[in-house]
C-alpha atoms as a PDB file:
ATOM      1  CA  MET A   1      44.868 -95.256 118.682  1.00  0.00           C
ATOM      2  CA  ALA A   2      41.138 -95.547 119.367  1.00  0.00           C
ATOM      3  CA  GLY A   3      38.738 -93.218 117.659  1.00  0.00           C
ATOM      4  CA  ARG A   4      40.600 -92.959 114.369  1.00  0.00           C
ATOM      5  CA  VAL A   5      39.353 -94.034 110.968  1.00  0.00           C
ATOM      6  CA  TYR A   6      42.146 -94.338 108.411  1.00  0.00           C
ATOM      7  CA  TYR A   7      41.197 -93.306 104.873  1.00  0.00           C
ATOM      8  CA  ASN A   8      44.564 -92.831 103.124  1.00  0.00           C
ATOM      9  CA  LYS A   9      43.007 -91.256 100.046  1.00  0.00           C
ATOM     10  CA  LEU A  10      42.837 -88.025  98.109  1.00  0.00           C
ATOM     11  CA  ILE A  11      40.164 -85.657  99.417  1.00  0.00           C
ATOM     12  CA  ARG A  12      38.584 -82.512  98.068  1.00  0.00           C
ATOM     13  CA  ASP A  13      39.692 -79.070  99.233  1.00  0.00           C
ATOM     14  CA  LYS A  14      36.897 -78.372 101.732  1.00  0.00           C
ATOM     15  CA  ILE A  15      36.824 -81.756 103.493  1.00  0.00           C
ATOM     16  CA  GLU A  16      39.448 -80.889 106.120  1.00  0.00           C
ATOM     17  CA  ASP A  17      37.540 -77.719 107.068  1.00  0.00           C
ATOM     18  CA  LYS A  18      34.308 -79.719 107.245  1.00  0.00           C
ATOM     19  CA  ILE A  19      35.863 -82.252 109.651  1.00  0.00           C
ATOM     20  CA  VAL A  20      37.376 -79.536 111.859  1.00  0.00           C
ATOM     21  CA  GLY A  21      34.098 -77.601 111.735  1.00  0.00           C
ATOM     22  CA  LEU A  22      32.378 -80.624 113.267  1.00  0.00           C
ATOM     23  CA  GLY A  23      34.826 -80.455 116.175  1.00  0.00           C
ATOM     24  CA  GLU A  24      36.771 -83.489 114.994  1.00  0.00           C
ATOM     25  CA  LYS A  25      40.479 -83.887 114.307  1.00  0.00           C
ATOM     26  CA  CYS A  26      42.244 -85.168 111.215  1.00  0.00           C
ATOM     27  CA  GLU A  27      45.666 -85.429 109.658  1.00  0.00           C
ATOM     28  CA  VAL A  28      46.098 -84.193 106.092  1.00  0.00           C
ATOM     29  CA  ARG A  29      49.210 -83.798 103.966  1.00  0.00           C
ATOM     30  CA  GLU A  30      49.685 -82.043 100.649  1.00  0.00           C
ATOM     31  CA  LEU A  31      50.625 -84.241  97.709  1.00  0.00           C
ATOM     32  CA  THR A  32      53.588 -82.373  96.265  1.00  0.00           C
ATOM     33  CA  ASP A  33      54.816 -85.204  94.037  1.00  0.00           C
ATOM     34  CA  ASP A  34      53.061 -84.976  90.654  1.00  0.00           C
ATOM     35  CA  GLN A  35      53.255 -88.719  90.028  1.00  0.00           C
ATOM     36  CA  GLU A  36      51.686 -89.508  93.403  1.00  0.00           C
ATOM     37  CA  PHE A  37      48.937 -86.915  92.819  1.00  0.00           C
ATOM     38  CA  GLU A  38      48.163 -88.395  89.393  1.00  0.00           C
ATOM     39  CA  GLN A  39      48.042 -91.915  90.859  1.00  0.00           C
ATOM     40  CA  GLU A  40      45.671 -90.758  93.606  1.00  0.00           C
ATOM     41  CA  LEU A  41      43.455 -89.021  91.046  1.00  0.00           C
ATOM     42  CA  LEU A  42      43.251 -92.253  89.054  1.00  0.00           C
ATOM     43  CA  LYS A  43      42.315 -94.164  92.212  1.00  0.00           C
ATOM     44  CA  LYS A  44      39.682 -91.504  92.901  1.00  0.00           C
ATOM     45  CA  VAL A  45      38.216 -92.011  89.405  1.00  0.00           C
ATOM     46  CA  ALA A  46      37.683 -95.685  90.241  1.00  0.00           C
ATOM     47  CA  GLU A  47      36.186 -94.803  93.641  1.00  0.00           C
ATOM     48  CA  GLU A  48      33.760 -92.259  92.210  1.00  0.00           C
ATOM     49  CA  ALA A  49      32.830 -94.450  89.225  1.00  0.00           C
ATOM     50  CA  GLY A  50      32.011 -97.244  91.660  1.00  0.00           C
ATOM     51  CA  ALA A  51      29.854 -94.899  93.718  1.00  0.00           C
ATOM     52  CA  LEU A  52      28.090 -93.739  90.554  1.00  0.00           C
ATOM     53  CA  SER A  53      27.322 -97.335  89.581  1.00  0.00           C
ATOM     54  CA  ARG A  54      25.720 -97.904  92.990  1.00  0.00           C
ATOM     55  CA  ALA A  55      23.451 -94.835  92.879  1.00  0.00           C
ATOM     56  CA  ARG A  56      19.804 -95.832  93.184  1.00  0.00           C
ATOM     57  CA  THR A  57      17.971 -92.504  93.017  1.00  0.00           C
ATOM     58  CA  ARG A  58      18.111 -89.701  90.477  1.00  0.00           C
ATOM     59  CA  GLU A  59      19.390 -87.363  93.201  1.00  0.00           C
ATOM     60  CA  ASP A  60      22.203 -89.756  94.153  1.00  0.00           C
ATOM     61  CA  LEU A  61      23.029 -90.331  90.476  1.00  0.00           C
ATOM     62  CA  LEU A  62      23.328 -86.588  89.901  1.00  0.00           C
ATOM     63  CA  ASP A  63      25.514 -86.131  93.003  1.00  0.00           C
ATOM     64  CA  GLU A  64      27.813 -89.046  92.137  1.00  0.00           C
ATOM     65  CA  PHE A  65      27.998 -87.955  88.486  1.00  0.00           C
ATOM     66  CA  ALA A  66      29.113 -84.498  89.660  1.00  0.00           C
ATOM     67  CA  ASP A  67      31.730 -86.103  91.941  1.00  0.00           C
ATOM     68  CA  LEU A  68      33.117 -88.157  89.060  1.00  0.00           C
ATOM     69  CA  MET A  69      33.174 -85.182  86.695  1.00  0.00           C
ATOM     70  CA  THR A  70      35.025 -83.099  89.307  1.00  0.00           C
ATOM     71  CA  VAL A  71      37.733 -85.769  89.576  1.00  0.00           C
ATOM     72  CA  LEU A  72      37.927 -86.117  85.786  1.00  0.00           C
ATOM     73  CA  ASP A  73      38.266 -82.331  85.469  1.00  0.00           C
ATOM     74  CA  ALA A  74      41.144 -82.368  87.984  1.00  0.00           C
ATOM     75  CA  LEU A  75      42.846 -85.219  86.107  1.00  0.00           C
ATOM     76  CA  LYS A  76      42.314 -83.435  82.787  1.00  0.00           C
ATOM     77  CA  ALA A  77      43.946 -80.280  84.182  1.00  0.00           C
ATOM     78  CA  HIS A  78      46.796 -82.211  85.808  1.00  0.00           C
ATOM     79  CA  VAL A  79      47.793 -84.034  82.611  1.00  0.00           C
ATOM     80  CA  LYS A  80      47.085 -80.911  80.549  1.00  0.00           C
ATOM     81  CA  LEU A  81      44.463 -82.323  78.191  1.00  0.00           C
ATOM     82  CA  SER A  82      42.731 -79.654  76.137  1.00  0.00           C
ATOM     83  CA  ASP A  83      39.021 -79.600  75.326  1.00  0.00           C
ATOM     84  CA  GLU A  84      39.991 -79.903  71.672  1.00  0.00           C
ATOM     85  CA  GLU A  85      42.111 -83.022  72.293  1.00  0.00           C
ATOM     86  CA  LEU A  86      39.303 -84.650  74.237  1.00  0.00           C
ATOM     87  CA  ALA A  87      36.691 -83.765  71.625  1.00  0.00           C
ATOM     88  CA  LYS A  88      38.860 -85.250  68.883  1.00  0.00           C
ATOM     89  CA  ALA A  89      39.584 -88.389  70.923  1.00  0.00           C
ATOM     90  CA  ARG A  90      35.861 -88.838  71.641  1.00  0.00           C
ATOM     91  CA  GLU A  91      34.999 -88.407  67.954  1.00  0.00           C
ATOM     92  CA  GLU A  92      37.616 -90.991  66.964  1.00  0.00           C
ATOM     93  CA  ASN A  93      36.477 -93.326  69.728  1.00  0.00           C
ATOM     94  CA  VAL A  94      32.820 -93.111  68.644  1.00  0.00           C
ATOM     95  CA  ALA A  95      33.769 -93.535  64.979  1.00  0.00           C
ATOM     96  CA  LYS A  96      35.736 -96.690  65.871  1.00  0.00           C
ATOM     97  CA  LYS A  97      33.426 -98.229  68.496  1.00  0.00           C
ATOM     98  CA  GLY A  98      30.070 -96.498  68.149  1.00  0.00           C
ATOM     99  CA  LYS A  99      27.822 -95.263  70.939  1.00  0.00           C
ATOM    100  CA  PHE A 100      25.200 -97.106  72.987  1.00  0.00           C
ATOM    101  CA  GLN A 101      22.124 -96.191  70.960  1.00  0.00           C
ATOM    102  CA  LYS A 102      21.372 -99.803  69.946  1.00  0.00           C
ATOM    103  CA  ARG A 103      21.614-101.003  73.558  1.00  0.00           C
ATOM    104  CA  HIS A 104      23.443-104.163  72.513  1.00  0.00           C
ATOM    105  CA  PHE A 105      24.515-106.577  75.272  1.00  0.00           C
ATOM    106  CA  LEU A 106      27.246-109.065  74.310  1.00  0.00           C
ATOM    107  CA  HIS A 107      26.658-112.559  75.677  1.00  0.00           C
ATOM    108  CA  TRP A 108      29.638-114.226  74.016  1.00  0.00           C
ATOM    109  CA  SER A 109      32.049-114.089  71.094  1.00  0.00           C
ATOM    110  CA  SER A 110      34.307-116.609  69.407  1.00  0.00           C
ATOM    111  CA  ASP A 111      36.905-113.891  68.736  1.00  0.00           C
ATOM    112  CA  GLN A 112      39.885-115.135  70.774  1.00  0.00           C
ATOM    113  CA  ASN A 113      42.148-112.241  69.702  1.00  0.00           C
ATOM    114  CA  TYR A 114      39.974-109.412  71.050  1.00  0.00           C
ATOM    115  CA  LYS A 115      41.629-107.600  73.949  1.00  0.00           C
ATOM    116  CA  SER A 116      39.029-106.339  76.402  1.00  0.00           C
ATOM    117  CA  ASN A 117      39.591-104.080  79.379  1.00  0.00           C
ATOM    118  CA  GLU A 118      36.973-106.156  81.201  1.00  0.00           C
ATOM    119  CA  THR A 119      37.834-109.066  83.440  1.00  0.00           C
ATOM    120  CA  PRO A 120      35.983-112.095  82.090  1.00  0.00           C
ATOM    121  CA  GLN A 121      33.670-113.844  84.531  1.00  0.00           C
ATOM    122  CA  GLY A 122      34.624-117.364  85.482  1.00  0.00           C
ATOM    123  CA  LEU A 123      37.824-119.276  84.981  1.00  0.00           C
ATOM    124  CA  LYS A 124      39.514-119.625  81.635  1.00  0.00           C
ATOM    125  CA  LYS A 125      39.196-123.164  80.288  1.00  0.00           C
ATOM    126  CA  GLY A 126      42.560-124.922  79.942  1.00  0.00           C
ATOM    127  CA  LYS A 127      43.494-127.173  77.014  1.00  0.00           C
END
């Protein structure tokens, strides 16, 4: 049908009212399945993190940071993570990996056993 833009994504509570307030129509459903809600929150984390990485002004950075934190807060509440658990996990993470104070940028490593959560650039060389 003409005039429709399909989003198929989790939205914040006031978005439907905002659309209707502009005189537009929309279709919204409640996510009642916990697993589906969690999956959509995780997809939203990626969406908001991507938007944050594309911010080019301090104002946009602040807005996108707030968006990401709001999604992370919802995910934290959904999976029932306590502030104490997160603080402990962050402490352990920093103790193991450090922070970013030295501003190191890794060009390469000969460590073939390291498992990164990054996707390496380029194709893997075959033997």
